[in-house]
């Protein structure tokens, strides 16, 4: 919204504050609670998978979800993985490069989407970082607070952010850097934590918030900033890629990192001149907004349909969902770090 607004107004921040005030006066409805508590519910849904994924397979369940919760019947719910990113990381024995041998120390932030619904992108990030001789660990945090922040549940978001900063700040001071796969969560650490935690809004020291913010990166931003791709042994890919950037990255002028890295890796990359995909997090799941969500995405759908790319790349989870559920047949969209990992020799 900040990018598309002609006046550059930070509508997302205003929306969060207005919704928070509304919740304080009128309470929080069930759908908002469920969407805003996604970071709390996802671990349980993962433990119950594949049972928790049955609503996507049972005829008529979409209609029930729409009537009971206001979730658009046309949408599939997120598919939860029984084996999470953390499960995989621990099963392999933890870090693949020792801290003594590594050039850099990285905390791979376990955002809720990469951990519970798309661990493949997280695994790819680990492979790329370790191939660049980074020591990688996954910190014990409950998420970034992005889902409740997006629904105006600022007290919940602030508590999650406080816990994350208290965990990460001491590590950052010990020369660790924080890398995040999901763009919206990366921007949460880099930018939104200042609004949530600075000053009198919380008891978290401002210097701790600043330390985390200044040392947090999106995964492709991190690779690009330190030119890690130039240290990788890569098989020259022949695939051409159509790239749709994420709104949070565009708003913070960080959308060029993935394109630059993938091009240096040998991919042909066509960045689309696209705006919001129409999902906007949970917006596109809401029944009353479904038609608008699809209408907003029409320009993107047309550009993807007209593109000549062999593969389709989008760093955002919600963007990939919108592309998968678009009107035409498209290649399965990937996170850019998955394409970089695929090129490793």
C-alpha atoms as a PDB file:
ATOM      1  CA  UNK A   1       0.000   0.000   0.000  1.00  0.00           C
ATOM      2  CA  UNK A   2       2.838   2.410   0.824  1.00  0.00           C
ATOM      3  CA  UNK A   3       4.287   1.883  -2.673  1.00  0.00           C
ATOM      4  CA  UNK A   4       1.009   2.154  -4.579  1.00  0.00           C
ATOM      5  CA  UNK A   5      -0.338   5.181  -2.664  1.00  0.00           C
ATOM      6  CA  UNK A   6       0.418   8.344  -4.714  1.00  0.00           C
ATOM      7  CA  UNK A   7       1.148  10.236  -1.486  1.00  0.00           C
ATOM      8  CA  UNK A   8       3.338   7.508  -0.008  1.00  0.00           C
ATOM      9  CA  UNK A   9       1.097   7.115   3.045  1.00  0.00           C
ATOM     10  CA  UNK A  10       1.937   4.068   5.169  1.00  0.00           C
ATOM     11  CA  UNK A  11      -1.581   2.665   4.985  1.00  0.00           C
ATOM     12  CA  UNK A  12      -0.594  -0.680   6.520  1.00  0.00           C
ATOM     13  CA  UNK A  13       0.600   1.042   9.691  1.00  0.00           C
ATOM     14  CA  UNK A  14      -2.521   3.208   9.854  1.00  0.00           C
ATOM     15  CA  UNK A  15      -4.736   0.181   9.237  1.00  0.00           C
ATOM     16  CA  UNK A  16      -3.090  -1.771  12.057  1.00  0.00           C
ATOM     17  CA  UNK A  17      -3.581   1.103  14.501  1.00  0.00           C
ATOM     18  CA  UNK A  18      -7.211   1.683  13.480  1.00  0.00           C
ATOM     19  CA  UNK A  19      -8.028  -2.023  13.717  1.00  0.00           C
ATOM     20  CA  UNK A  20      -6.354  -2.202  17.113  1.00  0.00           C
ATOM     21  CA  UNK A  21      -8.510   0.672  18.365  1.00  0.00           C
ATOM     22  CA  UNK A  22     -11.605  -1.034  16.934  1.00  0.00           C
ATOM     23  CA  UNK A  23     -10.727  -4.318  18.671  1.00  0.00           C
ATOM     24  CA  UNK A  24     -10.251  -2.494  21.983  1.00  0.00           C
ATOM     25  CA  UNK A  25     -13.716  -0.978  21.742  1.00  0.00           C
ATOM     26  CA  UNK A  26     -15.716  -3.759  20.096  1.00  0.00           C
ATOM     27  CA  UNK A  27     -13.763  -6.958  20.747  1.00  0.00           C
ATOM     28  CA  UNK A  28     -12.243  -9.369  18.223  1.00  0.00           C
ATOM     29  CA  UNK A  29     -14.362 -11.669  16.060  1.00  0.00           C
ATOM     30  CA  UNK A  30     -13.538 -15.361  15.647  1.00  0.00           C
ATOM     31  CA  UNK A  31     -12.110 -15.130  12.109  1.00  0.00           C
ATOM     32  CA  UNK A  32      -9.769 -12.318  13.077  1.00  0.00           C
ATOM     33  CA  UNK A  33      -8.634 -14.276  16.131  1.00  0.00           C
ATOM     34  CA  UNK A  34      -7.891 -17.364  14.040  1.00  0.00           C
ATOM     35  CA  UNK A  35      -6.001 -15.466  11.346  1.00  0.00           C
ATOM     36  CA  UNK A  36      -4.182 -13.299  13.865  1.00  0.00           C
ATOM     37  CA  UNK A  37      -3.202 -16.298  15.985  1.00  0.00           C
ATOM     38  CA  UNK A  38      -1.788 -18.232  13.035  1.00  0.00           C
ATOM     39  CA  UNK A  39       1.643 -18.444  14.680  1.00  0.00           C
ATOM     40  CA  UNK A  40       0.063 -20.114  17.720  1.00  0.00           C
ATOM     41  CA  UNK A  41      -2.230 -22.437  15.757  1.00  0.00           C
ATOM     42  CA  UNK A  42       0.249 -23.604  13.108  1.00  0.00           C
ATOM     43  CA  UNK A  43       2.308 -25.835  15.458  1.00  0.00           C
ATOM     44  CA  UNK A  44      -0.852 -27.695  16.502  1.00  0.00           C
ATOM     45  CA  UNK A  45      -2.069 -27.990  12.906  1.00  0.00           C
ATOM     46  CA  UNK A  46       1.332 -29.370  11.921  1.00  0.00           C
ATOM     47  CA  UNK A  47       1.181 -31.995  14.667  1.00  0.00           C
ATOM     48  CA  UNK A  48      -2.283 -33.021  13.445  1.00  0.00           C
ATOM     49  CA  UNK A  49      -1.283 -33.181   9.755  1.00  0.00           C
ATOM     50  CA  UNK A  50      -2.448 -34.726   7.481  1.00  0.00           C
ATOM     51  CA  UNK A  51      -5.709 -34.655   9.462  1.00  0.00           C
ATOM     52  CA  UNK A  52      -5.595 -30.847   9.616  1.00  0.00           C
ATOM     53  CA  UNK A  53      -5.426 -30.710   5.811  1.00  0.00           C
ATOM     54  CA  UNK A  54      -8.655 -32.670   5.264  1.00  0.00           C
ATOM     55  CA  UNK A  55     -10.814 -29.543   4.747  1.00  0.00           C
ATOM     56  CA  UNK A  56      -9.038 -29.036   1.411  1.00  0.00           C
ATOM     57  CA  UNK A  57     -10.063 -32.533   0.311  1.00  0.00           C
ATOM     58  CA  UNK A  58     -13.600 -32.980   1.640  1.00  0.00           C
ATOM     59  CA  UNK A  59     -16.334 -31.718  -0.730  1.00  0.00           C
ATOM     60  CA  UNK A  60     -18.460 -29.016   0.847  1.00  0.00           C
ATOM     61  CA  UNK A  61     -15.961 -28.085   3.550  1.00  0.00           C
ATOM     62  CA  UNK A  62     -15.219 -24.792   1.802  1.00  0.00           C
ATOM     63  CA  UNK A  63     -18.872 -23.790   2.029  1.00  0.00           C
ATOM     64  CA  UNK A  64     -18.893 -24.644   5.735  1.00  0.00           C
ATOM     65  CA  UNK A  65     -15.751 -22.556   6.314  1.00  0.00           C
ATOM     66  CA  UNK A  66     -17.352 -19.644   4.487  1.00  0.00           C
ATOM     67  CA  UNK A  67     -20.606 -19.817   6.427  1.00  0.00           C
ATOM     68  CA  UNK A  68     -18.960 -20.362   9.805  1.00  0.00           C
ATOM     69  CA  UNK A  69     -15.824 -18.229   9.533  1.00  0.00           C
ATOM     70  CA  UNK A  70     -16.147 -16.037   6.458  1.00  0.00           C
ATOM     71  CA  UNK A  71     -13.263 -17.789   4.656  1.00  0.00           C
ATOM     72  CA  UNK A  72     -13.804 -17.751   0.882  1.00  0.00           C
ATOM     73  CA  UNK A  73     -15.000 -21.151  -0.292  1.00  0.00           C
ATOM     74  CA  UNK A  74     -12.899 -20.807  -3.452  1.00  0.00           C
ATOM     75  CA  UNK A  75      -9.645 -20.781  -1.480  1.00  0.00           C
ATOM     76  CA  UNK A  76      -7.690 -23.791  -0.321  1.00  0.00           C
ATOM     77  CA  UNK A  77      -6.445 -23.412   3.234  1.00  0.00           C
ATOM     78  CA  UNK A  78      -2.679 -23.570   3.857  1.00  0.00           C
ATOM     79  CA  UNK A  79      -1.303 -27.118   3.738  1.00  0.00           C
ATOM     80  CA  UNK A  80       0.531 -27.958   6.948  1.00  0.00           C
ATOM     81  CA  UNK A  81       3.555 -30.246   6.963  1.00  0.00           C
ATOM     82  CA  UNK A  82       3.921 -32.901   9.638  1.00  0.00           C
ATOM     83  CA  UNK A  83       7.715 -32.653   9.309  1.00  0.00           C
ATOM     84  CA  UNK A  84       8.562 -29.013   9.950  1.00  0.00           C
ATOM     85  CA  UNK A  85      11.702 -27.114   9.013  1.00  0.00           C
ATOM     86  CA  UNK A  86      12.956 -27.409  12.597  1.00  0.00           C
ATOM     87  CA  UNK A  87      12.232 -31.168  12.598  1.00  0.00           C
ATOM     88  CA  UNK A  88      14.295 -31.573   9.428  1.00  0.00           C
ATOM     89  CA  UNK A  89      17.139 -29.432  10.745  1.00  0.00           C
ATOM     90  CA  UNK A  90      17.371 -31.376  14.003  1.00  0.00           C
ATOM     91  CA  UNK A  91      17.054 -34.756  12.253  1.00  0.00           C
ATOM     92  CA  UNK A  92      20.071 -33.965  10.078  1.00  0.00           C
ATOM     93  CA  UNK A  93      22.117 -33.247  13.188  1.00  0.00           C
ATOM     94  CA  UNK A  94      21.871 -29.459  13.244  1.00  0.00           C
ATOM     95  CA  UNK A  95      24.477 -27.247  11.621  1.00  0.00           C
ATOM     96  CA  UNK A  96      26.338 -28.693   8.654  1.00  0.00           C
ATOM     97  CA  UNK A  97      29.263 -26.267   9.000  1.00  0.00           C
ATOM     98  CA  UNK A  98      30.925 -25.861  12.396  1.00  0.00           C
ATOM     99  CA  UNK A  99      31.254 -22.410  13.907  1.00  0.00           C
ATOM    100  CA  UNK A 100      35.024 -22.823  14.047  1.00  0.00           C
ATOM    101  CA  UNK A 101      35.277 -23.467  10.304  1.00  0.00           C
ATOM    102  CA  UNK A 102      32.622 -20.993   9.147  1.00  0.00           C
ATOM    103  CA  UNK A 103      33.148 -17.542   7.681  1.00  0.00           C
ATOM    104  CA  UNK A 104      29.851 -16.195   9.031  1.00  0.00           C
ATOM    105  CA  UNK A 105      27.343 -17.100  11.764  1.00  0.00           C
ATOM    106  CA  UNK A 106      23.686 -17.057  10.713  1.00  0.00           C
ATOM    107  CA  UNK A 107      20.453 -17.435  12.647  1.00  0.00           C
ATOM    108  CA  UNK A 108      17.825 -18.639  10.173  1.00  0.00           C
ATOM    109  CA  UNK A 109      14.642 -17.115  11.569  1.00  0.00           C
ATOM    110  CA  UNK A 110      11.828 -19.726  11.695  1.00  0.00           C
ATOM    111  CA  UNK A 111       8.924 -17.696  10.331  1.00  0.00           C
ATOM    112  CA  UNK A 112       5.613 -19.510  10.594  1.00  0.00           C
ATOM    113  CA  UNK A 113       5.126 -20.038   6.849  1.00  0.00           C
ATOM    114  CA  UNK A 114       8.603 -21.420   6.133  1.00  0.00           C
ATOM    115  CA  UNK A 115       8.503 -23.585   9.247  1.00  0.00           C
ATOM    116  CA  UNK A 116       5.066 -25.149   8.956  1.00  0.00           C
ATOM    117  CA  UNK A 117       3.719 -24.770   5.401  1.00  0.00           C
ATOM    118  CA  UNK A 118       6.706 -24.360   3.077  1.00  0.00           C
ATOM    119  CA  UNK A 119       9.783 -25.924   4.690  1.00  0.00           C
ATOM    120  CA  UNK A 120      11.268 -26.542   1.239  1.00  0.00           C
ATOM    121  CA  UNK A 121      12.262 -22.883   0.997  1.00  0.00           C
ATOM    122  CA  UNK A 122      13.891 -23.064   4.419  1.00  0.00           C
ATOM    123  CA  UNK A 123      15.834 -26.178   3.474  1.00  0.00           C
ATOM    124  CA  UNK A 124      17.017 -24.436   0.320  1.00  0.00           C
ATOM    125  CA  UNK A 125      18.167 -21.459   2.395  1.00  0.00           C
ATOM    126  CA  UNK A 126      20.170 -23.744   4.679  1.00  0.00           C
ATOM    127  CA  UNK A 127      21.809 -25.468   1.691  1.00  0.00           C
ATOM    128  CA  UNK A 128      22.767 -22.158   0.085  1.00  0.00           C
ATOM    129  CA  UNK A 129      24.098 -20.621   3.293  1.00  0.00           C
ATOM    130  CA  UNK A 130      26.113 -23.692   4.200  1.00  0.00           C
ATOM    131  CA  UNK A 131      27.490 -23.941   0.666  1.00  0.00           C
ATOM    132  CA  UNK A 132      28.725 -20.372   1.237  1.00  0.00           C
ATOM    133  CA  UNK A 133      30.489 -21.610   4.412  1.00  0.00           C
ATOM    134  CA  UNK A 134      28.042 -20.139   6.912  1.00  0.00           C
ATOM    135  CA  UNK A 135      27.368 -21.742  10.275  1.00  0.00           C
ATOM    136  CA  UNK A 136      23.564 -21.915  10.495  1.00  0.00           C
ATOM    137  CA  UNK A 137      21.361 -22.350  13.539  1.00  0.00           C
ATOM    138  CA  UNK A 138      17.610 -21.936  13.993  1.00  0.00           C
ATOM    139  CA  UNK A 139      16.766 -19.817  17.057  1.00  0.00           C
ATOM    140  CA  UNK A 140      14.023 -20.825  19.474  1.00  0.00           C
ATOM    141  CA  UNK A 141      11.425 -18.143  18.763  1.00  0.00           C
ATOM    142  CA  UNK A 142       7.673 -18.377  18.223  1.00  0.00           C
ATOM    143  CA  UNK A 143       7.572 -16.208  15.100  1.00  0.00           C
ATOM    144  CA  UNK A 144       7.838 -12.548  14.203  1.00  0.00           C
ATOM    145  CA  UNK A 145       4.364 -11.338  15.152  1.00  0.00           C
ATOM    146  CA  UNK A 146       3.447 -10.550  11.545  1.00  0.00           C
ATOM    147  CA  UNK A 147       0.004 -12.291  11.463  1.00  0.00           C
ATOM    148  CA  UNK A 148      -1.411 -10.513  14.537  1.00  0.00           C
ATOM    149  CA  UNK A 149       0.170  -7.241  13.416  1.00  0.00           C
ATOM    150  CA  UNK A 150      -1.605  -7.527  10.060  1.00  0.00           C
ATOM    151  CA  UNK A 151      -4.940  -8.032  11.836  1.00  0.00           C
ATOM    152  CA  UNK A 152      -4.506  -5.127  14.246  1.00  0.00           C
ATOM    153  CA  UNK A 153      -3.865  -7.401  17.251  1.00  0.00           C
ATOM    154  CA  UNK A 154      -0.973  -5.214  18.340  1.00  0.00           C
ATOM    155  CA  UNK A 155      -0.763  -6.471  21.933  1.00  0.00           C
ATOM    156  CA  UNK A 156      -0.202 -10.025  20.675  1.00  0.00           C
ATOM    157  CA  UNK A 157       2.224  -8.846  18.018  1.00  0.00           C
ATOM    158  CA  UNK A 158       4.146  -6.739  20.547  1.00  0.00           C
ATOM    159  CA  UNK A 159       4.507  -9.684  22.941  1.00  0.00           C
ATOM    160  CA  UNK A 160       5.825 -11.922  20.157  1.00  0.00           C
ATOM    161  CA  UNK A 161       8.211  -9.220  18.981  1.00  0.00           C
ATOM    162  CA  UNK A 162       9.462  -8.671  22.534  1.00  0.00           C
ATOM    163  CA  UNK A 163      10.253 -12.377  22.948  1.00  0.00           C
ATOM    164  CA  UNK A 164      12.015 -12.474  19.582  1.00  0.00           C
ATOM    165  CA  UNK A 165      14.201  -9.460  20.354  1.00  0.00           C
ATOM    166  CA  UNK A 166      15.090 -10.797  23.808  1.00  0.00           C
ATOM    167  CA  UNK A 167      16.246 -14.035  22.167  1.00  0.00           C
ATOM    168  CA  UNK A 168      18.029 -12.514  19.182  1.00  0.00           C
ATOM    169  CA  UNK A 169      19.713  -9.406  20.614  1.00  0.00           C
ATOM    170  CA  UNK A 170      22.373 -11.229  22.689  1.00  0.00           C
ATOM    171  CA  UNK A 171      23.264 -13.413  19.702  1.00  0.00           C
ATOM    172  CA  UNK A 172      23.496 -10.427  17.370  1.00  0.00           C
ATOM    173  CA  UNK A 173      25.899  -8.744  19.785  1.00  0.00           C
ATOM    174  CA  UNK A 174      28.011 -11.887  19.516  1.00  0.00           C
ATOM    175  CA  UNK A 175      28.351 -11.267  15.750  1.00  0.00           C
ATOM    176  CA  UNK A 176      25.449 -13.394  14.539  1.00  0.00           C
ATOM    177  CA  UNK A 177      23.256 -12.173  11.693  1.00  0.00           C
ATOM    178  CA  UNK A 178      19.549 -12.941  11.286  1.00  0.00           C
ATOM    179  CA  UNK A 179      18.285 -14.220   7.936  1.00  0.00           C
ATOM    180  CA  UNK A 180      14.576 -14.526   7.111  1.00  0.00           C
ATOM    181  CA  UNK A 181      13.026 -16.444   4.206  1.00  0.00           C
ATOM    182  CA  UNK A 182       9.547 -14.851   4.183  1.00  0.00           C
ATOM    183  CA  UNK A 183       9.691 -11.191   3.052  1.00  0.00           C
ATOM    184  CA  UNK A 184       6.876  -9.918   5.273  1.00  0.00           C
ATOM    185  CA  UNK A 185       8.594 -11.333   8.354  1.00  0.00           C
ATOM    186  CA  UNK A 186      11.953  -9.894   7.315  1.00  0.00           C
ATOM    187  CA  UNK A 187      10.440  -6.418   7.085  1.00  0.00           C
ATOM    188  CA  UNK A 188       8.769  -7.001  10.440  1.00  0.00           C
ATOM    189  CA  UNK A 189      12.184  -7.356  12.081  1.00  0.00           C
ATOM    190  CA  UNK A 190      13.807  -4.619  10.017  1.00  0.00           C
ATOM    191  CA  UNK A 191      11.118  -1.967  10.305  1.00  0.00           C
ATOM    192  CA  UNK A 192       7.920  -2.709  12.208  1.00  0.00           C
ATOM    193  CA  UNK A 193       9.672  -3.662  15.449  1.00  0.00           C
ATOM    194  CA  UNK A 194      10.691  -0.026  15.843  1.00  0.00           C
ATOM    195  CA  UNK A 195       7.044   1.062  15.922  1.00  0.00           C
ATOM    196  CA  UNK A 196       6.003  -1.807  18.186  1.00  0.00           C
ATOM    197  CA  UNK A 197       8.836  -1.747  20.699  1.00  0.00           C
ATOM    198  CA  UNK A 198      10.621   1.594  20.661  1.00  0.00           C
ATOM    199  CA  UNK A 199      10.146   4.184  23.382  1.00  0.00           C
ATOM    200  CA  UNK A 200       7.358   3.922  25.936  1.00  0.00           C
ATOM    201  CA  UNK A 201       5.439   1.282  23.956  1.00  0.00           C
ATOM    202  CA  UNK A 202       7.432  -1.509  25.645  1.00  0.00           C
ATOM    203  CA  UNK A 203      10.135  -2.294  28.175  1.00  0.00           C
ATOM    204  CA  UNK A 204      12.541  -3.600  25.522  1.00  0.00           C
ATOM    205  CA  UNK A 205      15.707  -1.464  25.353  1.00  0.00           C
ATOM    206  CA  UNK A 206      15.832   0.613  22.173  1.00  0.00           C
ATOM    207  CA  UNK A 207      19.401  -0.539  21.540  1.00  0.00           C
ATOM    208  CA  UNK A 208      18.240  -4.184  21.487  1.00  0.00           C
ATOM    209  CA  UNK A 209      15.560  -3.388  18.909  1.00  0.00           C
ATOM    210  CA  UNK A 210      18.088  -1.475  16.822  1.00  0.00           C
ATOM    211  CA  UNK A 211      20.645  -4.295  17.039  1.00  0.00           C
ATOM    212  CA  UNK A 212      18.166  -6.851  15.704  1.00  0.00           C
ATOM    213  CA  UNK A 213      16.790  -4.489  13.059  1.00  0.00           C
ATOM    214  CA  UNK A 214      20.221  -3.555  11.733  1.00  0.00           C
ATOM    215  CA  UNK A 215      21.349  -7.180  11.499  1.00  0.00           C
ATOM    216  CA  UNK A 216      18.219  -8.734   9.966  1.00  0.00           C
ATOM    217  CA  UNK A 217      18.120  -9.611   6.274  1.00  0.00           C
ATOM    218  CA  UNK A 218      15.856 -11.278   3.769  1.00  0.00           C
ATOM    219  CA  UNK A 219      17.645 -14.385   2.537  1.00  0.00           C
ATOM    220  CA  UNK A 220      18.337 -13.111  -0.994  1.00  0.00           C
ATOM    221  CA  UNK A 221      19.233  -9.692   0.402  1.00  0.00           C
ATOM    222  CA  UNK A 222      21.806 -11.407   2.627  1.00  0.00           C
ATOM    223  CA  UNK A 223      23.303 -13.405  -0.223  1.00  0.00           C
ATOM    224  CA  UNK A 224      23.511 -10.265  -2.357  1.00  0.00           C
ATOM    225  CA  UNK A 225      24.829  -7.944   0.370  1.00  0.00           C
ATOM    226  CA  UNK A 226      27.765 -10.245   1.094  1.00  0.00           C
ATOM    227  CA  UNK A 227      28.121 -11.554  -2.471  1.00  0.00           C
ATOM    228  CA  UNK A 228      27.831 -15.095  -1.134  1.00  0.00           C
ATOM    229  CA  UNK A 229      26.704 -16.342  -4.538  1.00  0.00           C
ATOM    230  CA  UNK A 230      30.179 -15.561  -5.872  1.00  0.00           C
ATOM    231  CA  UNK A 231      31.614 -18.136  -3.454  1.00  0.00           C
ATOM    232  CA  UNK A 232      29.231 -20.885  -4.587  1.00  0.00           C
ATOM    233  CA  UNK A 233      29.997 -23.684  -6.998  1.00  0.00           C
ATOM    234  CA  UNK A 234      27.111 -23.533  -9.461  1.00  0.00           C
ATOM    235  CA  UNK A 235      26.006 -25.526 -12.479  1.00  0.00           C
ATOM    236  CA  UNK A 236      25.066 -23.001 -15.154  1.00  0.00           C
ATOM    237  CA  UNK A 237      21.242 -23.133 -15.329  1.00  0.00           C
ATOM    238  CA  UNK A 238      19.471 -22.949 -18.673  1.00  0.00           C
ATOM    239  CA  UNK A 239      16.088 -22.020 -17.204  1.00  0.00           C
ATOM    240  CA  UNK A 240      14.529 -18.597 -17.711  1.00  0.00           C
ATOM    241  CA  UNK A 241      12.493 -17.207 -14.839  1.00  0.00           C
ATOM    242  CA  UNK A 242       9.511 -14.892 -14.559  1.00  0.00           C
ATOM    243  CA  UNK A 243       9.835 -12.911 -11.329  1.00  0.00           C
ATOM    244  CA  UNK A 244       7.042 -11.295  -9.285  1.00  0.00           C
ATOM    245  CA  UNK A 245       8.344  -9.165  -6.418  1.00  0.00           C
ATOM    246  CA  UNK A 246       6.848  -8.842  -2.964  1.00  0.00           C
ATOM    247  CA  UNK A 247       5.179  -5.596  -1.883  1.00  0.00           C
ATOM    248  CA  UNK A 248       7.053  -5.418   1.425  1.00  0.00           C
ATOM    249  CA  UNK A 249      10.360  -5.685  -0.429  1.00  0.00           C
ATOM    250  CA  UNK A 250       9.305  -3.040  -2.932  1.00  0.00           C
ATOM    251  CA  UNK A 251       8.287  -0.699  -0.116  1.00  0.00           C
ATOM    252  CA  UNK A 252      11.723  -1.023   1.494  1.00  0.00           C
ATOM    253  CA  UNK A 253      13.700  -0.865  -1.779  1.00  0.00           C
ATOM    254  CA  UNK A 254      14.951  -4.440  -1.405  1.00  0.00           C
ATOM    255  CA  UNK A 255      13.307  -6.095  -4.398  1.00  0.00           C
ATOM    256  CA  UNK A 256      16.409  -5.980  -6.603  1.00  0.00           C
ATOM    257  CA  UNK A 257      18.462  -8.418  -4.528  1.00  0.00           C
ATOM    258  CA  UNK A 258      16.837 -11.641  -5.742  1.00  0.00           C
ATOM    259  CA  UNK A 259      16.930 -10.564  -9.386  1.00  0.00           C
ATOM    260  CA  UNK A 260      20.617  -9.672  -9.189  1.00  0.00           C
ATOM    261  CA  UNK A 261      21.622 -12.902  -7.470  1.00  0.00           C
ATOM    262  CA  UNK A 262      19.653 -15.133  -9.839  1.00  0.00           C
ATOM    263  CA  UNK A 263      21.083 -13.372 -12.879  1.00  0.00           C
ATOM    264  CA  UNK A 264      24.640 -13.750 -11.599  1.00  0.00           C
ATOM    265  CA  UNK A 265      23.876 -17.426 -11.027  1.00  0.00           C
ATOM    266  CA  UNK A 266      23.125 -17.736 -14.738  1.00  0.00           C
ATOM    267  CA  UNK A 267      19.345 -17.572 -14.852  1.00  0.00           C
ATOM    268  CA  UNK A 268      17.552 -15.383 -17.334  1.00  0.00           C
ATOM    269  CA  UNK A 269      15.214 -13.307 -15.161  1.00  0.00           C
ATOM    270  CA  UNK A 270      12.256 -11.250 -16.367  1.00  0.00           C
ATOM    271  CA  UNK A 271      10.978  -9.042 -13.507  1.00  0.00           C
ATOM    272  CA  UNK A 272       7.318  -8.292 -14.070  1.00  0.00           C
ATOM    273  CA  UNK A 273       6.053  -4.717 -13.881  1.00  0.00           C
ATOM    274  CA  UNK A 274       3.448  -5.912 -11.399  1.00  0.00           C
ATOM    275  CA  UNK A 275       1.846  -4.371  -8.360  1.00  0.00           C
ATOM    276  CA  UNK A 276       0.064  -6.126  -5.488  1.00  0.00           C
ATOM    277  CA  UNK A 277      -0.912  -9.704  -6.318  1.00  0.00           C
ATOM    278  CA  UNK A 278      -4.245  -9.184  -4.565  1.00  0.00           C
ATOM    279  CA  UNK A 279      -3.785 -11.563  -1.646  1.00  0.00           C
ATOM    280  CA  UNK A 280      -2.285  -9.043   0.804  1.00  0.00           C
ATOM    281  CA  UNK A 281      -1.733 -11.715   3.439  1.00  0.00           C
ATOM    282  CA  UNK A 282      -5.098 -12.957   4.696  1.00  0.00           C
ATOM    283  CA  UNK A 283      -7.143 -10.348   2.770  1.00  0.00           C
ATOM    284  CA  UNK A 284      -7.655 -12.667  -0.193  1.00  0.00           C
ATOM    285  CA  UNK A 285      -8.933 -15.450   2.066  1.00  0.00           C
ATOM    286  CA  UNK A 286     -11.815 -13.349   3.372  1.00  0.00           C
ATOM    287  CA  UNK A 287     -15.083 -14.142   1.600  1.00  0.00           C
ATOM    288  CA  UNK A 288     -16.192 -10.531   1.223  1.00  0.00           C
ATOM    289  CA  UNK A 289     -12.841  -9.624  -0.355  1.00  0.00           C
ATOM    290  CA  UNK A 290     -12.339 -12.634  -2.628  1.00  0.00           C
ATOM    291  CA  UNK A 291     -13.683 -11.008  -5.805  1.00  0.00           C
ATOM    292  CA  UNK A 292     -11.670  -7.850  -5.195  1.00  0.00           C
ATOM    293  CA  UNK A 293      -8.576  -9.949  -4.520  1.00  0.00           C
ATOM    294  CA  UNK A 294      -8.939 -11.670  -7.880  1.00  0.00           C
ATOM    295  CA  UNK A 295      -9.648  -8.379  -9.655  1.00  0.00           C
ATOM    296  CA  UNK A 296      -6.495  -6.826  -8.196  1.00  0.00           C
ATOM    297  CA  UNK A 297      -4.530  -9.839  -9.420  1.00  0.00           C
ATOM    298  CA  UNK A 298      -5.776  -9.641 -13.025  1.00  0.00           C
ATOM    299  CA  UNK A 299      -2.859  -7.497 -14.194  1.00  0.00           C
ATOM    300  CA  UNK A 300      -0.409  -9.963 -12.663  1.00  0.00           C
ATOM    301  CA  UNK A 301      -2.205 -12.940 -14.193  1.00  0.00           C
ATOM    302  CA  UNK A 302      -2.090 -11.320 -17.638  1.00  0.00           C
ATOM    303  CA  UNK A 303       1.621 -10.560 -17.358  1.00  0.00           C
ATOM    304  CA  UNK A 304       2.447 -14.087 -16.225  1.00  0.00           C
ATOM    305  CA  UNK A 305       0.363 -15.529 -19.062  1.00  0.00           C
ATOM    306  CA  UNK A 306       2.242 -13.361 -21.578  1.00  0.00           C
ATOM    307  CA  UNK A 307       5.694 -14.150 -20.184  1.00  0.00           C
ATOM    308  CA  UNK A 308       8.067 -16.639 -21.774  1.00  0.00           C
ATOM    309  CA  UNK A 309       9.735 -17.868 -18.587  1.00  0.00           C
ATOM    310  CA  UNK A 310      10.281 -21.574 -18.005  1.00  0.00           C
ATOM    311  CA  UNK A 311       9.861 -21.060 -14.275  1.00  0.00           C
ATOM    312  CA  UNK A 312       7.915 -18.710 -12.032  1.00  0.00           C
ATOM    313  CA  UNK A 313       9.495 -17.116  -8.963  1.00  0.00           C
ATOM    314  CA  UNK A 314       7.804 -15.190  -6.144  1.00  0.00           C
ATOM    315  CA  UNK A 315       9.341 -14.773  -2.689  1.00  0.00           C
ATOM    316  CA  UNK A 316       6.036 -14.273  -0.835  1.00  0.00           C
ATOM    317  CA  UNK A 317       3.880 -17.150   0.397  1.00  0.00           C
ATOM    318  CA  UNK A 318       0.600 -15.351  -0.282  1.00  0.00           C
ATOM    319  CA  UNK A 319       1.797 -14.283  -3.746  1.00  0.00           C
ATOM    320  CA  UNK A 320       2.575 -17.895  -4.636  1.00  0.00           C
ATOM    321  CA  UNK A 321      -0.880 -18.921  -3.419  1.00  0.00           C
ATOM    322  CA  UNK A 322      -2.533 -16.320  -5.648  1.00  0.00           C
ATOM    323  CA  UNK A 323      -0.461 -17.405  -8.650  1.00  0.00           C
ATOM    324  CA  UNK A 324      -1.259 -21.080  -8.071  1.00  0.00           C
ATOM    325  CA  UNK A 325      -4.973 -20.295  -7.930  1.00  0.00           C
ATOM    326  CA  UNK A 326      -4.962 -17.953 -10.929  1.00  0.00           C
ATOM    327  CA  UNK A 327      -7.108 -18.484 -14.030  1.00  0.00           C
ATOM    328  CA  UNK A 328      -4.435 -19.995 -16.274  1.00  0.00           C
ATOM    329  CA  UNK A 329      -1.940 -22.837 -16.117  1.00  0.00           C
ATOM    330  CA  UNK A 330       1.414 -21.597 -14.819  1.00  0.00           C
ATOM    331  CA  UNK A 331       4.593 -23.302 -13.631  1.00  0.00           C
ATOM    332  CA  UNK A 332       4.546 -24.049  -9.918  1.00  0.00           C
ATOM    333  CA  UNK A 333       5.897 -20.861  -8.316  1.00  0.00           C
ATOM    334  CA  UNK A 334       9.082 -21.129  -6.250  1.00  0.00           C
ATOM    335  CA  UNK A 335      10.899 -18.975  -3.741  1.00  0.00           C
ATOM    336  CA  UNK A 336      14.040 -17.497  -5.375  1.00  0.00           C
ATOM    337  CA  UNK A 337      16.316 -19.219  -2.854  1.00  0.00           C
ATOM    338  CA  UNK A 338      14.957 -22.556  -4.090  1.00  0.00           C
ATOM    339  CA  UNK A 339      16.156 -21.700  -7.596  1.00  0.00           C
ATOM    340  CA  UNK A 340      19.565 -20.706  -6.265  1.00  0.00           C
ATOM    341  CA  UNK A 341      19.810 -23.970  -4.322  1.00  0.00           C
ATOM    342  CA  UNK A 342      18.795 -25.918  -7.436  1.00  0.00           C
ATOM    343  CA  UNK A 343      21.806 -24.461  -9.267  1.00  0.00           C
ATOM    344  CA  UNK A 344      24.312 -25.680  -6.667  1.00  0.00           C
ATOM    345  CA  UNK A 345      26.830 -28.070  -8.200  1.00  0.00           C
END
